[in-house]
């Protein structure tokens, strides 16, 4: 069972990146998938989430209108399209899910994420000004 992120890199402010979260060993559509990001010295942020069963999409206020989450069932992959990137978007981005319980998007107090129990290894996003 594995979650693997890819697609990180370095872009100029205003640029775009598409992150991928590919699952192996389980069917990704059966589970909620959230994207989180970590910046040293700051609290982990729930960025976006796509719910189990009906693919409802959630976004933090900081990325709403710029990021788009989607799911490709044929590739067992969730994508995070990031447009109009800002220097403050620079972070390590992780995808995560709940493989054990019945968590779903929106359960965090931020109204976006949930408490995952399975994480990918992360992918670095750097945005230069």
N, C-alpha and C. Protein backbone atom coordinates (compact mmCIF):
# COMPACT_ATOMS: atom_id res chain seq x y z
N UNK A 1 0.85 -1.19 0.00
CA UNK A 1 0.00 0.00 0.00
C UNK A 1 0.89 1.24 0.00
N UNK A 2 0.65 2.13 -0.94
CA UNK A 2 1.55 3.28 -1.06
C UNK A 2 0.82 4.46 -1.67
N UNK A 3 1.17 5.66 -1.19
CA UNK A 3 0.79 6.92 -1.82
C UNK A 3 2.06 7.60 -2.26
N UNK A 4 2.10 8.04 -3.50
CA UNK A 4 3.32 8.66 -4.00
C UNK A 4 2.99 9.98 -4.67
N UNK A 5 3.59 11.07 -4.16
CA UNK A 5 3.42 12.38 -4.77
C UNK A 5 4.51 12.62 -5.81
N UNK A 6 4.16 13.41 -6.79
CA UNK A 6 5.13 13.86 -7.78
C UNK A 6 4.65 15.18 -8.35
N UNK A 7 5.53 15.83 -9.10
CA UNK A 7 5.15 17.06 -9.78
C UNK A 7 5.65 18.33 -9.14
N UNK A 8 6.29 18.23 -7.99
CA UNK A 8 6.84 19.42 -7.37
C UNK A 8 7.99 19.98 -8.19
N UNK A 9 8.42 21.18 -7.84
CA UNK A 9 9.53 21.80 -8.55
C UNK A 9 9.62 23.26 -8.19
N UNK A 10 10.34 23.98 -9.01
CA UNK A 10 10.55 25.42 -8.80
C UNK A 10 9.93 26.20 -9.94
N UNK A 11 9.13 27.18 -9.59
CA UNK A 11 8.50 28.04 -10.60
C UNK A 11 8.59 29.49 -10.13
N UNK A 12 8.42 30.40 -11.08
CA UNK A 12 8.32 31.80 -10.74
C UNK A 12 6.91 32.12 -10.25
N UNK A 13 6.80 33.17 -9.47
CA UNK A 13 5.48 33.61 -9.04
C UNK A 13 4.59 33.84 -10.26
N UNK A 14 3.34 33.39 -10.14
CA UNK A 14 2.41 33.47 -11.25
C UNK A 14 2.37 32.22 -12.11
N UNK A 15 3.33 31.34 -11.89
CA UNK A 15 3.40 30.12 -12.67
C UNK A 15 2.47 29.04 -12.15
N UNK A 16 2.59 27.85 -12.76
CA UNK A 16 1.71 26.72 -12.43
C UNK A 16 2.50 25.45 -12.24
N UNK A 17 1.95 24.59 -11.44
CA UNK A 17 2.45 23.23 -11.27
C UNK A 17 1.25 22.31 -11.10
N UNK A 18 1.42 21.05 -11.47
CA UNK A 18 0.39 20.06 -11.21
C UNK A 18 1.00 18.94 -10.38
N UNK A 19 0.51 18.77 -9.19
CA UNK A 19 0.96 17.69 -8.33
C UNK A 19 0.09 16.46 -8.56
N UNK A 20 0.72 15.30 -8.47
CA UNK A 20 0.02 14.03 -8.59
C UNK A 20 0.17 13.23 -7.32
N UNK A 21 -0.87 12.54 -6.97
CA UNK A 21 -0.85 11.61 -5.83
C UNK A 21 -1.38 10.29 -6.36
N UNK A 22 -0.47 9.34 -6.54
CA UNK A 22 -0.84 8.06 -7.13
C UNK A 22 -0.84 6.98 -6.06
N UNK A 23 -1.91 6.21 -6.04
CA UNK A 23 -2.06 5.15 -5.06
C UNK A 23 -1.71 3.80 -5.67
N UNK A 24 -1.10 2.97 -4.87
CA UNK A 24 -0.88 1.58 -5.25
C UNK A 24 -1.28 0.70 -4.09
N UNK A 25 -1.90 -0.43 -4.40
CA UNK A 25 -2.32 -1.35 -3.36
C UNK A 25 -3.70 -1.11 -2.82
N UNK A 26 -4.36 -0.05 -3.27
CA UNK A 26 -5.75 0.18 -2.89
C UNK A 26 -6.39 1.07 -3.95
N UNK A 27 -7.73 1.05 -3.96
CA UNK A 27 -8.48 1.83 -4.95
C UNK A 27 -8.74 3.21 -4.37
N UNK A 28 -8.11 4.20 -4.98
CA UNK A 28 -8.11 5.54 -4.42
C UNK A 28 -9.51 6.15 -4.36
N UNK A 29 -10.39 5.79 -5.26
CA UNK A 29 -11.73 6.38 -5.30
C UNK A 29 -12.56 5.99 -4.09
N UNK A 30 -12.17 4.99 -3.36
CA UNK A 30 -12.92 4.55 -2.19
C UNK A 30 -12.61 5.38 -0.95
N UNK A 31 -11.65 6.31 -1.07
CA UNK A 31 -11.16 7.02 0.09
C UNK A 31 -11.09 8.53 -0.15
N UNK A 32 -11.19 9.32 0.93
CA UNK A 32 -10.96 10.76 0.77
C UNK A 32 -9.47 11.00 0.62
N UNK A 33 -9.11 11.96 -0.18
CA UNK A 33 -7.71 12.32 -0.36
C UNK A 33 -7.55 13.81 -0.07
N UNK A 34 -6.65 14.13 0.81
CA UNK A 34 -6.38 15.52 1.16
C UNK A 34 -4.94 15.88 0.80
N UNK A 35 -4.77 17.11 0.43
CA UNK A 35 -3.43 17.68 0.25
C UNK A 35 -3.16 18.61 1.44
N UNK A 36 -2.01 18.39 2.04
CA UNK A 36 -1.54 19.24 3.13
C UNK A 36 -0.22 19.87 2.70
N UNK A 37 0.16 20.95 3.36
CA UNK A 37 1.47 21.50 3.10
C UNK A 37 2.13 21.92 4.40
N UNK A 38 3.44 21.73 4.42
CA UNK A 38 4.27 22.04 5.58
C UNK A 38 5.28 23.11 5.23
N UNK A 39 5.35 24.11 6.09
CA UNK A 39 6.39 25.14 6.00
C UNK A 39 7.06 25.18 7.36
N UNK A 40 8.39 25.14 7.40
CA UNK A 40 9.08 25.17 8.71
C UNK A 40 8.64 26.36 9.55
N UNK A 41 8.31 26.08 10.81
CA UNK A 41 7.91 27.13 11.72
C UNK A 41 6.45 27.50 11.67
N UNK A 42 5.71 26.88 10.77
CA UNK A 42 4.28 27.16 10.65
C UNK A 42 3.48 25.88 10.86
N UNK A 43 2.23 26.09 11.24
CA UNK A 43 1.34 24.95 11.42
C UNK A 43 1.00 24.31 10.08
N UNK A 44 0.90 22.98 10.08
CA UNK A 44 0.52 22.28 8.85
C UNK A 44 -0.84 22.78 8.39
N UNK A 45 -0.97 22.97 7.09
CA UNK A 45 -2.20 23.51 6.53
C UNK A 45 -2.89 22.49 5.63
N UNK A 46 -4.17 22.34 5.82
CA UNK A 46 -4.98 21.56 4.89
C UNK A 46 -5.23 22.46 3.68
N UNK A 47 -4.83 22.03 2.52
CA UNK A 47 -4.93 22.85 1.32
C UNK A 47 -6.19 22.52 0.53
N UNK A 48 -6.41 21.24 0.32
CA UNK A 48 -7.55 20.83 -0.49
C UNK A 48 -7.89 19.39 -0.18
N UNK A 49 -9.10 19.01 -0.51
CA UNK A 49 -9.55 17.65 -0.21
C UNK A 49 -10.65 17.25 -1.18
N UNK A 50 -10.65 15.99 -1.55
CA UNK A 50 -11.72 15.46 -2.39
C UNK A 50 -12.32 14.28 -1.64
N UNK A 51 -13.62 14.33 -1.48
CA UNK A 51 -14.26 13.40 -0.55
C UNK A 51 -14.44 12.01 -1.15
N UNK A 52 -14.63 11.06 -0.26
CA UNK A 52 -14.98 9.70 -0.68
C UNK A 52 -16.40 9.72 -1.22
N UNK A 53 -16.71 8.83 -2.04
CA UNK A 53 -18.04 8.52 -2.61
C UNK A 53 -18.55 9.55 -3.63
N UNK A 54 -18.54 10.85 -3.30
CA UNK A 54 -19.19 11.77 -4.24
C UNK A 54 -18.25 12.84 -4.80
N UNK A 55 -16.95 12.76 -4.44
CA UNK A 55 -15.94 13.67 -4.99
C UNK A 55 -16.23 15.14 -4.72
N UNK A 56 -16.91 15.44 -3.62
CA UNK A 56 -17.06 16.85 -3.23
C UNK A 56 -15.67 17.43 -2.97
N UNK A 57 -15.45 18.67 -3.39
CA UNK A 57 -14.14 19.28 -3.31
C UNK A 57 -14.11 20.39 -2.28
N UNK A 58 -13.02 20.47 -1.56
CA UNK A 58 -12.85 21.45 -0.51
C UNK A 58 -11.52 22.18 -0.75
N UNK A 59 -11.51 23.47 -0.42
CA UNK A 59 -10.30 24.27 -0.57
C UNK A 59 -10.13 25.21 0.62
N UNK A 60 -8.89 25.42 1.01
CA UNK A 60 -8.63 26.44 2.01
C UNK A 60 -8.84 27.82 1.38
N UNK A 61 -9.10 28.81 2.20
CA UNK A 61 -9.30 30.17 1.68
C UNK A 61 -8.04 30.68 1.00
N UNK A 62 -6.89 30.21 1.43
CA UNK A 62 -5.64 30.71 0.87
C UNK A 62 -5.40 30.25 -0.57
N UNK A 63 -6.07 29.19 -1.01
CA UNK A 63 -5.84 28.68 -2.36
C UNK A 63 -7.09 28.66 -3.23
N UNK A 64 -8.22 28.98 -2.64
CA UNK A 64 -9.49 28.94 -3.37
C UNK A 64 -9.42 29.85 -4.59
N UNK A 65 -9.84 29.31 -5.72
CA UNK A 65 -9.81 30.08 -6.97
C UNK A 65 -8.51 29.94 -7.73
N UNK A 66 -7.49 29.37 -7.11
CA UNK A 66 -6.18 29.19 -7.77
C UNK A 66 -5.82 27.72 -7.91
N UNK A 67 -6.24 26.89 -6.99
CA UNK A 67 -5.92 25.46 -7.01
C UNK A 67 -7.17 24.67 -7.36
N UNK A 68 -6.97 23.56 -8.05
CA UNK A 68 -8.07 22.67 -8.41
C UNK A 68 -7.68 21.24 -8.13
N UNK A 69 -8.51 20.56 -7.37
CA UNK A 69 -8.26 19.15 -7.08
C UNK A 69 -9.17 18.31 -7.98
N UNK A 70 -8.63 17.18 -8.44
CA UNK A 70 -9.41 16.30 -9.30
C UNK A 70 -8.94 14.87 -9.10
N UNK A 71 -9.77 13.96 -9.57
CA UNK A 71 -9.46 12.54 -9.40
C UNK A 71 -9.58 11.86 -10.75
N UNK A 72 -8.57 11.10 -11.14
CA UNK A 72 -8.60 10.29 -12.37
C UNK A 72 -8.67 8.83 -11.96
N UNK A 73 -9.86 8.26 -12.09
CA UNK A 73 -10.06 6.89 -11.63
C UNK A 73 -9.23 5.91 -12.45
N UNK A 74 -9.07 6.15 -13.75
CA UNK A 74 -8.34 5.21 -14.60
C UNK A 74 -6.87 5.15 -14.23
N UNK A 75 -6.35 6.24 -13.65
CA UNK A 75 -4.94 6.28 -13.26
C UNK A 75 -4.76 6.09 -11.76
N UNK A 76 -5.86 5.93 -11.03
CA UNK A 76 -5.80 5.79 -9.57
C UNK A 76 -4.98 6.93 -8.96
N UNK A 77 -5.26 8.12 -9.43
CA UNK A 77 -4.46 9.30 -9.09
C UNK A 77 -5.36 10.49 -8.78
N UNK A 78 -4.94 11.27 -7.81
CA UNK A 78 -5.56 12.57 -7.52
C UNK A 78 -4.55 13.65 -7.91
N UNK A 79 -5.05 14.68 -8.58
CA UNK A 79 -4.21 15.78 -9.01
C UNK A 79 -4.53 17.04 -8.23
N UNK A 80 -3.52 17.88 -8.06
CA UNK A 80 -3.71 19.21 -7.54
C UNK A 80 -3.10 20.19 -8.54
N UNK A 81 -3.96 20.83 -9.31
CA UNK A 81 -3.50 21.83 -10.26
C UNK A 81 -3.35 23.15 -9.51
N UNK A 82 -2.14 23.69 -9.55
CA UNK A 82 -1.85 24.91 -8.81
C UNK A 82 -1.49 26.01 -9.80
N UNK A 83 -2.34 27.01 -9.89
CA UNK A 83 -2.13 28.13 -10.80
C UNK A 83 -1.90 29.41 -10.00
N UNK A 84 -1.38 30.41 -10.68
CA UNK A 84 -1.13 31.72 -10.05
C UNK A 84 -0.38 31.57 -8.74
N UNK A 85 0.67 30.77 -8.78
CA UNK A 85 1.42 30.47 -7.56
C UNK A 85 2.06 31.72 -6.98
N UNK A 86 2.09 31.75 -5.66
CA UNK A 86 2.67 32.86 -4.91
C UNK A 86 3.84 32.34 -4.09
N UNK A 87 4.76 33.21 -3.72
CA UNK A 87 5.88 32.76 -2.88
C UNK A 87 5.41 32.08 -1.59
N UNK A 88 4.28 32.52 -1.05
CA UNK A 88 3.78 31.91 0.18
C UNK A 88 3.20 30.51 -0.03
N UNK A 89 3.09 30.06 -1.28
CA UNK A 89 2.66 28.68 -1.55
C UNK A 89 3.83 27.69 -1.44
N UNK A 90 5.03 28.19 -1.33
CA UNK A 90 6.19 27.31 -1.23
C UNK A 90 6.11 26.46 0.02
N UNK A 91 6.27 25.16 -0.14
CA UNK A 91 6.11 24.22 0.98
C UNK A 91 6.42 22.82 0.48
N UNK A 92 6.46 21.91 1.42
CA UNK A 92 6.41 20.49 1.07
C UNK A 92 4.94 20.08 1.08
N UNK A 93 4.49 19.53 -0.01
CA UNK A 93 3.10 19.14 -0.16
C UNK A 93 2.98 17.62 0.00
N UNK A 94 2.01 17.23 0.80
CA UNK A 94 1.75 15.82 1.06
C UNK A 94 0.31 15.49 0.69
N UNK A 95 0.11 14.31 0.14
CA UNK A 95 -1.24 13.80 0.05
C UNK A 95 -1.41 12.74 1.14
N UNK A 96 -2.63 12.59 1.58
CA UNK A 96 -2.89 11.69 2.70
C UNK A 96 -4.32 11.20 2.64
N UNK A 97 -4.55 10.09 3.32
CA UNK A 97 -5.89 9.51 3.34
C UNK A 97 -6.12 8.77 4.65
N UNK A 98 -7.33 8.30 4.83
CA UNK A 98 -7.71 7.45 5.96
C UNK A 98 -8.03 6.07 5.40
N UNK A 99 -7.14 5.13 5.64
CA UNK A 99 -7.34 3.77 5.13
C UNK A 99 -8.04 2.87 6.13
N UNK A 100 -8.27 3.39 7.32
CA UNK A 100 -8.76 2.53 8.40
C UNK A 100 -10.20 2.88 8.77
N UNK A 101 -10.47 4.16 8.94
CA UNK A 101 -11.77 4.60 9.45
C UNK A 101 -12.69 5.10 8.37
N UNK A 102 -13.59 5.96 8.76
CA UNK A 102 -14.59 6.53 7.86
C UNK A 102 -14.47 8.04 7.78
N UNK A 103 -13.26 8.55 7.96
CA UNK A 103 -13.08 10.00 7.89
C UNK A 103 -13.44 10.51 6.51
N UNK A 104 -13.77 11.77 6.47
CA UNK A 104 -14.05 12.39 5.19
C UNK A 104 -13.68 13.87 5.24
N UNK A 105 -13.62 14.49 4.10
CA UNK A 105 -13.22 15.89 3.98
C UNK A 105 -14.15 16.76 4.82
N UNK A 106 -13.58 17.85 5.31
CA UNK A 106 -14.38 18.83 6.03
C UNK A 106 -14.49 18.59 7.52
N UNK A 107 -13.88 17.54 8.03
CA UNK A 107 -14.04 17.20 9.44
C UNK A 107 -13.13 18.02 10.34
N UNK A 108 -12.03 18.55 9.79
CA UNK A 108 -11.18 19.42 10.57
C UNK A 108 -11.92 20.72 10.89
N UNK A 109 -11.43 21.43 11.90
CA UNK A 109 -12.03 22.73 12.24
C UNK A 109 -11.82 23.75 11.12
N UNK A 110 -10.82 23.47 10.24
CA UNK A 110 -10.63 24.39 9.12
C UNK A 110 -11.65 24.17 8.01
N UNK A 111 -12.47 23.13 8.18
CA UNK A 111 -13.51 22.86 7.20
C UNK A 111 -13.02 22.24 5.91
N UNK A 112 -11.75 21.79 5.90
CA UNK A 112 -11.18 21.23 4.68
C UNK A 112 -10.73 19.79 4.88
N UNK A 113 -9.82 19.59 5.83
CA UNK A 113 -9.16 18.30 5.96
C UNK A 113 -9.86 17.36 6.92
N UNK A 114 -9.16 16.29 7.23
CA UNK A 114 -9.59 15.28 8.17
C UNK A 114 -8.33 14.73 8.81
N UNK A 115 -8.46 13.78 9.69
CA UNK A 115 -7.31 13.22 10.40
C UNK A 115 -6.83 11.99 9.66
N UNK A 116 -5.81 12.11 8.82
CA UNK A 116 -5.37 10.97 8.02
C UNK A 116 -4.51 10.00 8.82
N UNK A 117 -4.41 8.80 8.32
CA UNK A 117 -3.52 7.82 8.95
C UNK A 117 -2.56 7.22 7.94
N UNK A 118 -2.56 7.76 6.73
CA UNK A 118 -1.63 7.27 5.72
C UNK A 118 -1.19 8.43 4.86
N UNK A 119 0.14 8.56 4.74
CA UNK A 119 0.72 9.72 4.08
C UNK A 119 1.67 9.31 2.96
N UNK A 120 1.79 10.18 1.97
CA UNK A 120 2.86 10.03 1.01
C UNK A 120 4.14 10.63 1.56
N UNK A 121 5.18 10.62 0.76
CA UNK A 121 6.50 11.06 1.23
C UNK A 121 6.71 12.56 1.06
N UNK A 122 5.84 13.21 0.29
CA UNK A 122 5.93 14.65 0.11
C UNK A 122 6.67 15.05 -1.15
N UNK A 123 6.33 16.22 -1.65
CA UNK A 123 7.02 16.78 -2.81
C UNK A 123 7.21 18.27 -2.57
N UNK A 124 8.40 18.76 -2.88
CA UNK A 124 8.76 20.14 -2.59
C UNK A 124 8.27 21.06 -3.70
N UNK A 125 7.65 22.16 -3.30
CA UNK A 125 7.25 23.22 -4.23
C UNK A 125 7.97 24.50 -3.81
N UNK A 126 8.69 25.08 -4.73
CA UNK A 126 9.41 26.33 -4.49
C UNK A 126 8.90 27.38 -5.46
N UNK A 127 8.58 28.56 -4.95
CA UNK A 127 8.07 29.64 -5.79
C UNK A 127 8.96 30.85 -5.60
N UNK A 128 9.61 31.26 -6.67
CA UNK A 128 10.51 32.41 -6.58
C UNK A 128 9.75 33.69 -6.95
N UNK A 129 10.11 34.75 -6.28
CA UNK A 129 9.41 36.03 -6.54
C UNK A 129 10.11 36.82 -7.64
